[in-house]
Protein backbone atom coordinates (compact mmCIF):
# COMPACT_ATOMS: atom_id res chain seq x y z
CA MET A 1 89.66 0.36 -6.93
CA LEU A 2 86.79 -0.94 -8.89
CA GLY A 3 86.08 -0.02 -12.39
CA GLN A 4 88.43 2.89 -12.50
CA ASP A 5 91.08 1.31 -14.68
CA ALA A 6 92.09 4.50 -16.62
CA THR A 7 92.71 6.56 -13.54
CA VAL A 8 94.59 3.87 -11.84
CA GLN A 9 96.95 3.39 -14.99
CA ILE A 10 97.84 7.10 -14.87
CA LEU A 11 98.45 7.43 -11.32
CA ARG A 12 100.73 4.28 -11.42
CA GLN A 13 102.73 5.87 -14.25
CA LEU A 14 103.14 9.18 -12.30
CA ILE A 15 104.52 7.28 -9.44
CA ALA A 16 106.88 4.98 -11.52
CA THR A 17 108.39 7.68 -13.25
CA GLY A 18 108.76 9.94 -10.30
CA THR A 19 106.72 12.76 -11.64
CA GLY A 20 104.12 12.61 -9.14
CA TYR A 21 105.20 15.58 -7.09
CA ARG A 22 104.94 18.13 -10.03
CA GLN A 23 101.26 19.08 -9.57
CA SER A 24 98.42 18.64 -7.25
CA TYR A 25 95.27 16.32 -7.87
CA LEU A 26 91.53 16.45 -7.71
CA PHE A 27 89.32 13.38 -7.37
CA ALA A 28 85.40 14.01 -7.95
CA GLY A 29 82.43 11.67 -7.96
CA PRO A 30 79.43 10.60 -5.96
CA TYR A 31 79.71 10.08 -2.12
CA GLY A 32 80.88 6.56 -1.38
CA SER A 33 82.63 6.15 -4.63
CA GLY A 34 86.14 5.81 -3.12
CA LYS A 35 87.45 9.22 -3.80
CA THR A 36 89.24 9.48 -0.38
CA THR A 37 90.38 5.93 -0.41
CA LEU A 38 92.03 6.46 -3.82
CA GLY A 39 93.64 9.72 -2.63
CA ARG A 40 95.11 7.82 0.47
CA ILE A 41 96.59 5.08 -1.83
CA LEU A 42 98.07 7.90 -4.15
CA ALA A 43 99.69 9.40 -1.14
CA ARG A 44 101.14 6.24 -0.03
CA GLY A 45 102.69 5.50 -3.42
CA LEU A 46 104.19 9.09 -3.52
CA LEU A 47 105.64 8.55 -0.10
CA CYS A 48 106.65 4.79 -0.58
CA GLU A 49 110.51 4.33 -0.15
CA LYS A 50 110.57 1.44 -2.84
CA PRO A 51 107.56 1.65 -5.25
CA THR A 52 107.36 -1.21 -7.74
CA SER A 53 108.08 -0.92 -11.29
CA THR A 54 104.29 -0.82 -12.04
CA GLY A 55 103.80 2.19 -9.84
CA ASP A 56 102.36 0.43 -6.95
CA PRO A 57 103.26 1.16 -3.16
CA CYS A 58 105.44 -1.71 -1.79
CA ASP A 59 103.27 -1.82 1.40
CA GLU A 60 106.26 -3.12 3.26
CA CYS A 61 108.45 0.01 3.83
CA ARG A 62 108.17 2.17 7.11
CA SER A 63 106.12 4.76 5.30
CA CYS A 64 103.79 2.45 3.87
CA ARG A 65 103.18 0.52 7.20
CA SER A 66 102.71 3.83 9.02
CA ILE A 67 99.84 4.73 6.79
CA LEU A 68 98.30 1.36 6.62
CA THR A 69 98.46 0.62 10.36
CA GLY A 70 97.73 4.03 11.83
CA GLY A 71 96.42 6.01 8.90
CA THR A 72 99.07 8.80 9.72
CA HIS A 73 102.47 9.71 8.51
CA THR A 74 104.91 12.72 9.41
CA ASP A 75 104.65 13.99 5.68
CA PHE A 76 100.89 13.28 4.98
CA VAL A 77 98.14 15.23 6.63
CA GLU A 78 94.55 14.54 6.07
CA VAL A 79 92.22 17.54 6.51
CA ASP A 80 88.53 17.74 7.00
CA ALA A 81 87.66 20.64 4.75
CA ALA A 82 84.08 20.80 6.34
CA THR A 83 85.48 21.89 9.77
CA ASN A 84 88.87 23.39 8.87
CA SER A 85 87.86 25.63 5.84
CA GLY A 86 88.99 28.90 7.04
CA LYS A 87 92.07 31.13 6.21
CA ALA A 88 93.56 30.75 9.69
CA ASP A 89 93.67 26.93 9.18
CA ILE A 90 95.31 27.09 5.83
CA LYS A 91 97.73 29.86 6.98
CA LYS A 92 99.18 27.33 9.56
CA LEU A 93 99.38 24.67 6.86
CA THR A 94 101.47 26.85 4.51
CA ASP A 95 103.65 27.98 7.53
CA GLU A 96 104.42 24.20 8.05
CA ILE A 97 105.70 23.52 4.53
CA GLU A 98 108.51 26.06 4.82
CA PHE A 99 110.17 23.66 7.18
CA SER A 100 111.97 20.70 5.74
CA THR A 101 110.24 17.31 6.45
CA PHE A 102 111.93 14.55 8.32
CA SER A 103 111.93 12.35 5.12
CA GLY A 104 113.32 15.12 2.89
CA LYS A 105 110.46 14.64 0.68
CA ARG A 106 107.59 17.07 0.04
CA ARG A 107 104.58 17.00 2.31
CA ILE A 108 101.26 15.94 1.02
CA TYR A 109 97.95 17.21 2.25
CA LEU A 110 94.53 15.44 1.62
CA PHE A 111 91.47 17.74 1.54
CA ASP A 112 88.25 15.71 1.96
CA GLU A 113 85.04 17.64 1.07
CA SER A 114 87.43 20.27 -0.50
CA HIS A 115 84.41 22.33 -2.02
CA ARG A 116 83.85 23.47 1.60
CA LEU A 117 87.01 25.38 1.65
CA SER A 118 86.57 29.18 1.93
CA LYS A 119 87.57 31.60 -0.62
CA GLU A 120 90.05 32.99 1.36
CA ALA A 121 91.50 29.74 2.36
CA LEU A 122 91.91 28.78 -1.45
CA ASP A 123 93.54 32.19 -2.07
CA ALA A 124 96.14 31.11 0.60
CA LEU A 125 96.88 28.00 -1.18
CA LEU A 126 97.39 29.53 -4.82
CA LYS A 127 101.07 30.59 -4.29
CA PRO A 128 102.42 27.41 -2.47
CA LEU A 129 100.67 25.26 -5.29
CA GLU A 130 102.54 27.10 -7.89
CA GLU A 131 106.00 27.36 -6.34
CA ASN A 132 108.62 24.78 -7.01
CA ALA A 133 111.19 23.33 -4.50
CA PRO A 134 114.84 24.97 -5.04
CA GLY A 135 116.46 23.06 -7.89
CA THR A 136 113.82 20.88 -8.85
CA GLN A 137 110.47 20.64 -10.68
CA ASP A 138 108.56 19.28 -7.65
CA LYS A 139 106.06 21.47 -6.07
CA LYS A 140 106.43 23.00 -2.56
CA LEU A 141 103.04 21.86 -1.86
CA VAL A 142 101.20 18.89 -3.17
CA CYS A 143 97.35 18.64 -2.34
CA ILE A 144 94.90 15.92 -2.99
CA PHE A 145 91.46 17.55 -3.31
CA CYS A 146 88.49 15.10 -2.93
CA THR A 147 85.09 16.53 -3.57
CA THR A 148 81.44 15.63 -4.59
CA GLU A 149 81.00 19.14 -5.93
CA PRO A 150 83.87 19.95 -8.22
CA GLU A 151 81.80 23.00 -9.71
CA GLY A 152 82.52 24.55 -6.23
CA MET A 153 86.30 24.67 -6.73
CA ARG A 154 87.94 27.72 -8.01
CA THR A 155 89.44 27.53 -11.64
CA THR A 156 92.49 28.90 -10.19
CA ILE A 157 93.02 25.90 -8.08
CA LEU A 158 92.07 23.50 -10.81
CA SER A 159 94.66 25.16 -13.17
CA ARG A 160 97.33 23.96 -10.76
CA CYS A 161 96.09 20.41 -10.61
CA ALA A 162 96.37 17.48 -12.98
CA PRO A 163 93.40 16.99 -15.21
CA PRO A 164 90.44 16.22 -12.79
CA PHE A 165 90.05 12.32 -12.12
CA VAL A 166 86.41 11.52 -12.21
CA ILE A 167 85.47 8.44 -10.29
CA ARG A 168 82.40 7.07 -12.08
CA PRO A 169 79.58 4.88 -10.73
CA LEU A 170 79.82 1.28 -11.18
CA SER A 171 77.33 -1.13 -12.70
CA PRO A 172 75.09 -3.39 -10.32
CA GLU A 173 77.15 -6.37 -11.74
CA ASP A 174 80.37 -4.96 -10.73
CA ILE A 175 79.25 -4.08 -7.41
CA ALA A 176 77.71 -7.67 -6.91
CA PHE A 177 80.87 -9.40 -7.79
CA ARG A 178 82.64 -7.40 -5.24
CA LEU A 179 80.02 -8.14 -2.71
CA ALA A 180 80.35 -11.85 -3.48
CA TYR A 181 84.03 -11.64 -3.00
CA ILE A 182 83.42 -10.02 0.66
CA CYS A 183 80.84 -12.55 1.55
CA ASP A 184 83.23 -15.34 0.59
CA GLN A 185 85.94 -13.77 2.75
CA GLU A 186 83.72 -13.36 5.61
CA GLY A 187 82.09 -16.66 5.40
CA LEU A 188 78.55 -15.30 4.68
CA GLU A 189 75.75 -17.35 2.84
CA TYR A 190 74.13 -15.45 0.19
CA ASP A 191 71.63 -15.62 -2.68
CA GLU A 192 73.46 -14.51 -5.71
CA GLU A 193 70.44 -13.00 -7.22
CA MET A 194 70.18 -10.65 -3.92
CA LEU A 195 73.53 -8.89 -4.56
CA PRO A 196 72.90 -7.20 -7.65
CA LEU A 197 69.40 -6.21 -6.02
CA ILE A 198 71.30 -4.60 -3.17
CA ALA A 199 73.51 -2.64 -5.63
CA GLU A 200 70.49 -1.17 -7.19
CA ILE A 201 68.79 -0.33 -3.79
CA THR A 202 71.96 1.49 -2.70
CA GLU A 203 71.92 3.37 -6.10
CA CYS A 204 75.52 1.72 -6.84
CA HIS A 205 77.15 3.37 -4.21
CA ILE A 206 79.86 0.61 -3.13
CA ARG A 207 80.25 1.97 0.37
CA ASP A 208 76.42 1.88 1.14
CA ALA A 209 76.30 -1.45 -0.57
CA ILE A 210 78.88 -3.09 1.63
CA LYS A 211 77.16 -1.60 4.73
CA ALA A 212 73.78 -2.88 3.58
CA VAL A 213 75.36 -6.34 3.27
CA GLU A 214 76.73 -6.08 6.67
CA GLY A 215 73.35 -5.13 8.14
CA VAL A 216 71.47 -7.98 6.33
CA SER A 217 73.98 -10.44 7.56
CA LEU A 218 73.06 -9.61 11.16
CA LEU A 219 69.67 -11.49 10.47
CA GLY A 220 71.45 -14.50 8.97
CA SER A 221 71.95 -15.27 5.33
CA ILE A 222 71.72 -12.78 2.42
CA SER A 223 68.19 -13.80 1.32
CA ARG A 224 65.35 -12.17 -0.18
CA GLU A 225 63.36 -12.30 2.99
CA HIS A 226 66.09 -10.65 5.39
CA VAL A 227 66.96 -8.27 2.44
CA THR A 228 63.28 -7.26 2.33
CA THR A 229 62.96 -6.92 6.16
CA CYS A 230 66.43 -5.09 6.77
CA LEU A 231 66.04 -2.58 3.67
CA HIS A 232 62.33 -2.01 3.89
CA LEU A 233 61.49 -3.04 0.37
CA ASP A 234 58.05 -3.79 1.21
CA LEU A 235 57.59 0.11 1.58
CA ASN A 236 57.93 0.43 -2.21
CA ASP A 237 54.67 -1.26 -2.96
CA THR A 238 53.09 1.24 -0.50
CA TYR A 239 54.65 4.11 -2.10
CA LEU A 240 53.03 2.98 -5.42
CA GLU A 241 49.73 2.62 -3.78
CA VAL A 242 49.88 6.31 -2.67
CA LEU A 243 50.46 7.60 -6.23
CA LEU A 244 48.15 5.04 -7.77
CA GLY A 245 45.32 6.32 -5.51
CA ILE A 246 45.67 10.05 -6.54
CA GLY A 247 42.64 10.80 -8.67
CA ARG A 248 41.15 7.23 -8.18
CA ASP A 249 40.71 6.52 -4.70
CA LEU A 250 41.78 9.24 -2.15
CA ARG A 251 41.08 7.12 0.84
CA ALA A 252 43.33 4.41 -0.41
CA SER A 253 46.10 6.93 -0.94
CA ILE A 254 45.90 8.51 2.47
CA ALA A 255 45.63 5.08 4.31
CA ALA A 256 48.93 3.99 2.38
CA ALA A 257 50.58 7.24 3.42
CA GLU A 258 49.79 6.80 7.13
CA SER A 259 51.03 3.35 6.97
CA ILE A 260 54.31 4.59 5.61
CA MET A 261 54.67 7.19 8.23
CA GLU A 262 54.45 4.64 10.84
CA ARG A 263 57.92 3.50 9.79
CA ALA A 264 59.41 6.43 8.07
CA SER A 265 59.45 10.18 8.68
CA PRO A 266 57.27 12.71 6.37
CA LEU A 267 60.57 13.98 4.98
CA ILE A 268 61.51 10.47 3.74
CA CYS A 269 58.13 9.98 2.54
CA TYR A 270 58.12 13.19 0.37
CA ARG A 271 61.62 12.27 -1.15
CA ARG A 272 60.69 8.77 -1.77
CA LEU A 273 57.23 9.89 -3.63
CA ALA A 274 59.08 12.46 -5.68
CA THR A 275 61.92 10.02 -6.94
CA THR A 276 59.20 7.26 -7.50
CA SER A 277 57.06 9.67 -9.61
CA ILE A 278 60.12 10.43 -11.82
CA MET A 279 61.15 6.79 -12.07
CA ALA A 280 57.72 6.06 -13.36
CA TYR A 281 57.66 8.86 -15.83
CA LYS A 282 61.43 7.84 -17.24
CA ILE A 283 60.08 4.27 -17.48
CA GLY A 284 57.04 5.38 -19.40
CA LEU A 285 59.34 7.20 -21.87
CA GLY A 286 61.37 4.02 -22.23
CA ILE A 287 64.64 5.52 -21.00
CA GLU A 288 64.77 3.41 -17.90
CA LYS A 289 63.70 0.02 -16.68
CA PRO A 290 62.14 -0.77 -13.38
CA ALA A 291 64.71 -2.16 -10.85
CA GLY A 292 64.21 -5.73 -9.66
CA TYR A 293 62.71 -4.84 -6.42
CA TRP A 294 59.51 -3.07 -7.80
CA ASP A 295 56.29 -4.71 -8.59
CA ALA A 296 56.52 -4.65 -12.37
CA ASP A 297 52.54 -4.67 -12.94
CA ARG A 298 52.04 -1.71 -10.45
CA VAL A 299 54.83 0.39 -12.01
CA ALA A 300 53.45 -0.36 -15.46
CA ASP A 301 50.01 1.01 -14.11
CA LEU A 302 51.58 4.06 -12.71
CA THR A 303 53.39 4.81 -16.09
CA THR A 304 49.90 5.24 -17.77
CA ARG A 305 49.57 8.59 -15.63
CA GLY A 306 52.02 10.24 -18.16
CA GLU A 307 52.52 13.99 -17.60
CA GLU A 308 50.62 13.88 -14.23
CA LEU A 309 53.79 12.06 -12.83
CA LEU A 310 55.46 15.58 -13.46
CA GLY A 311 53.03 17.29 -11.43
CA PHE A 312 53.26 14.75 -8.64
CA ALA A 313 57.17 15.04 -8.47
CA SER A 314 56.99 18.82 -8.66
CA VAL A 315 54.77 18.99 -5.53
CA PHE A 316 56.42 16.39 -3.54
CA SER A 317 60.13 17.77 -4.23
CA SER A 318 59.15 21.38 -3.61
CA ARG A 319 57.89 21.02 -0.04
CA PRO A 320 60.01 23.55 2.17
CA GLY A 321 61.02 23.31 5.68
CA ARG A 322 60.15 20.39 7.75
CA PRO A 323 56.98 18.69 6.42
CA THR A 324 54.34 16.98 8.82
CA PRO A 325 51.81 14.39 7.98
CA ALA A 326 49.04 16.98 7.75
CA MET A 327 51.00 18.56 4.93
CA LEU A 328 51.27 15.30 3.09
CA PHE A 329 47.68 14.73 3.57
CA CYS A 330 46.70 18.21 2.33
CA ASP A 331 49.10 17.84 -0.81
CA LEU A 332 47.44 14.44 -1.63
CA ALA A 333 43.93 15.81 -1.60
CA GLN A 334 44.83 18.68 -3.67
CA LEU A 335 46.42 16.61 -6.29
CA HIS A 336 43.49 14.24 -6.15
CA HIS A 337 40.89 17.19 -6.58
CA GLY A 338 43.20 18.97 -9.26
CA VAL A 339 43.76 22.09 -7.06
CA VAL A 340 47.54 21.88 -7.44
CA SER A 341 48.72 23.31 -10.69
CA SER A 342 49.32 20.42 -13.23
CA PRO A 343 52.12 20.05 -15.72
CA LEU A 344 49.68 20.83 -18.56
CA GLU A 345 49.25 24.19 -17.02
CA VAL A 346 53.08 24.58 -16.88
CA ARG A 347 53.41 23.91 -20.46
CA ARG A 348 50.43 26.28 -21.33
CA VAL A 349 52.48 29.14 -19.57
CA ALA A 350 55.63 28.13 -21.38
CA THR A 351 53.80 28.29 -24.65
CA LEU A 352 52.50 31.90 -23.67
CA ALA A 353 56.03 33.09 -22.99
CA THR A 354 56.37 32.92 -26.91
CA PRO A 355 54.51 35.79 -28.54
CA GLN A 356 51.42 34.48 -30.10
CA PRO A 357 50.07 35.62 -33.26
CA LEU A 358 47.27 38.22 -32.95
CA PRO A 359 43.66 36.70 -33.39
CA ALA A 360 42.01 37.70 -36.63
CA PRO A 361 39.06 40.26 -36.09
CA PRO A 362 35.58 39.27 -37.10
CA ALA A 363 34.69 40.22 -40.74
CA ASP A 364 32.30 42.99 -39.73
CA ILE A 365 34.92 44.97 -37.60
CA GLU A 366 36.86 47.43 -39.53
CA THR A 367 40.51 48.45 -38.69
CA SER A 368 42.37 51.43 -39.78
CA PRO A 369 45.68 50.89 -41.64
CA PRO A 370 48.78 51.82 -39.67
CA SER A 371 49.30 55.11 -41.88
CA GLN A 372 45.92 56.29 -41.88
CA ALA A 373 45.39 59.30 -39.37
CA PRO A 374 42.42 59.20 -36.90
CA PRO A 375 39.35 61.23 -37.89
CA PRO A 376 39.26 64.67 -37.10
CA GLN A 377 37.13 65.44 -33.98
CA SER A 378 34.06 67.76 -34.09
CA PRO A 379 34.61 71.01 -32.23
CA LEU A 380 33.07 71.11 -28.69
CA PRO A 381 31.28 73.75 -26.95
CA VAL A 382 32.97 75.92 -24.47
CA GLY A 383 32.81 74.40 -21.04
CA THR A 384 33.15 75.71 -17.31
CA LEU A 385 34.92 74.98 -14.17
CA GLU A 386 32.35 73.78 -11.93
CA GLY A 387 32.06 76.12 -8.89
CA ASN A 388 34.67 78.55 -10.42
CA LYS A 389 35.30 81.11 -13.43
CA PRO A 390 34.12 80.09 -16.90
CA SER A 391 36.57 78.50 -18.94
CA THR A 392 37.54 78.83 -22.63
CA GLY A 393 38.57 75.09 -22.78
CA ASP A 394 36.61 72.25 -24.52
CA VAL A 395 36.47 70.03 -21.39
CA SER A 396 34.87 70.29 -17.97
CA VAL A 397 37.04 69.55 -14.93
CA VAL A 398 35.19 68.11 -11.91
CA VAL A 399 36.97 68.87 -8.58
CA ASP A 400 35.78 66.50 -5.72
CA GLY A 401 38.59 66.88 -3.28
CA ARG A 402 39.84 63.16 -3.87
CA ALA A 403 40.68 63.19 -7.48
CA VAL A 404 40.53 65.15 -10.69
CA LYS A 405 38.31 63.52 -13.47
CA LYS A 406 38.27 64.63 -16.97
CA ARG A 407 35.01 64.21 -18.99
CA ARG A 408 34.09 65.64 -22.37
CA VAL A 409 30.98 67.87 -21.97
CA ASP A 410 28.97 66.50 -24.80
CA GLN A 411 29.92 62.84 -24.22
CA PRO A 412 27.37 60.85 -22.32
CA ARG A 413 28.18 58.53 -19.75
CA ARG A 414 28.79 54.95 -20.65
CA SER A 415 26.42 52.46 -19.61
CA SER A 416 28.00 49.33 -17.42
CA THR A 417 26.41 47.07 -19.86
CA LEU A 418 28.04 46.51 -23.39
CA GLU A 419 26.24 44.55 -25.84
CA LEU A 420 28.15 42.57 -28.39
CA ASP A 421 27.79 39.57 -30.63
CA VAL A 422 29.60 36.24 -29.96
CA ASP A 423 32.33 36.88 -32.56
CA LYS A 424 33.20 40.49 -31.58
CA ALA A 425 33.48 39.42 -27.83
CA ILE A 426 35.71 36.40 -28.35
CA TRP A 427 37.88 38.72 -30.64
CA LEU A 428 38.22 41.34 -27.92
CA LEU A 429 38.75 38.75 -25.33
CA GLY A 430 41.62 37.33 -27.31
CA LEU A 431 43.22 40.64 -27.60
CA ARG A 432 42.97 41.25 -23.79
CA VAL A 433 44.41 37.79 -22.77
CA ALA A 434 47.44 38.62 -25.38
CA GLU A 435 47.79 42.04 -23.66
CA LEU A 436 47.98 40.71 -20.20
CA ASP A 437 50.52 37.92 -21.44
CA GLU A 438 52.84 40.46 -22.62
CA ALA A 439 52.42 42.47 -19.55
CA VAL A 440 53.42 39.56 -17.40
CA ARG A 441 56.43 38.81 -19.50
CA GLY A 442 57.59 42.57 -19.07
CA GLY A 443 57.04 43.61 -22.52
CA SER A 444 54.56 46.18 -21.74
CA THR A 445 55.52 49.56 -23.35
CA GLY A 446 52.78 51.76 -21.85
CA ARG A 447 50.15 51.20 -24.48
CA SER A 448 47.73 48.54 -24.64
CA TYR A 449 47.78 45.74 -27.07
CA MET A 450 44.54 46.78 -28.54
CA ASP A 451 45.66 50.31 -29.04
CA ARG A 452 48.84 49.12 -30.93
CA HIS A 453 46.75 46.90 -32.91
CA ARG A 454 44.29 49.70 -33.81
CA ALA A 455 47.40 51.94 -34.78
């Protein structure tokens, strides 16, 4: 296990002291990092008939040879939780542990992708994981959970496990060292500068890096030419052309996108454009350095786009369903012409989410203090109900069969044109914008913003 010294040391101590059966285990980390492999090694060490004093399996006893050669053992069961996640599958498992195993030791179960286990299946495991074998501190059931999503595991399960072992990603240099060892063992000719490059391309996933070396080796030596051809590194410059053309040269941007989709699907194109945008933005912030397989000059040019890159990444990463080339061309055109919301607008909305101070009224507009009552209204003449008996009220009700409208008898109808000077118009417009903003945020109380200000 590369780069997991602390985890390996703890597991060795558990095997050497014979306390490995007193709890279950959880290995978490990114895909291809060696979680399942480490779980198998732990199971081999626990089942080993003569483990070494340092806690390593001997690799010579019948138990070790059975797992090493065939991957199976009478007391070790590996379960794919993605396809065996139901309660019935776990019920069968818990029934088996009631019978003594051939070796007399506890049976060990390894659950790969354990976050896929259903709630009912995890509930069925709770009791066996907690019960001890008669007369010992060893558990009846020891499970090794391997997952890329530890947050999907229930806390009641985690409480029955040892503290989680997190498999952390390795550095490109550590992976390159391992790749060099593999190439030496396989007799492959390689360029030392290409091995860290392969590690960066595969995002430091050791399994993907080994597969990449295997694929490049089919073309010959591990050289820059063969790495570029096999891993499609020439497309990186084309992705940069697509992003650089937005807002500058739409024809060049679309032409670059067309050339990409001759070799990659629109879905892959969307993903790579989103990750490239975020990469350039982080490089612009100074928190990341460009990998060796990117054109440094073009990346530096792209970082000058600043916050625009956030808008690019938002559009490319939010495309639902199965995108088509037409969708990509449409999104590129909308970004080019500014039709799609920019991150500046997102910032403006976030700013408006905080209550803003009320704009000050112009000097010639008088406002009443909060405690001042409204001026008394002058008495109105007696009105009538149109088409009905005279009324003693002070309003006239017009009934037209569709709605009821109330209008003051002595109040003239307002004109559709309201004449205001510039200062008054700007002040009223500011009040209306603040009122609409409060309504959008759900803070409306039934009274308009203007009315509350006047009050």
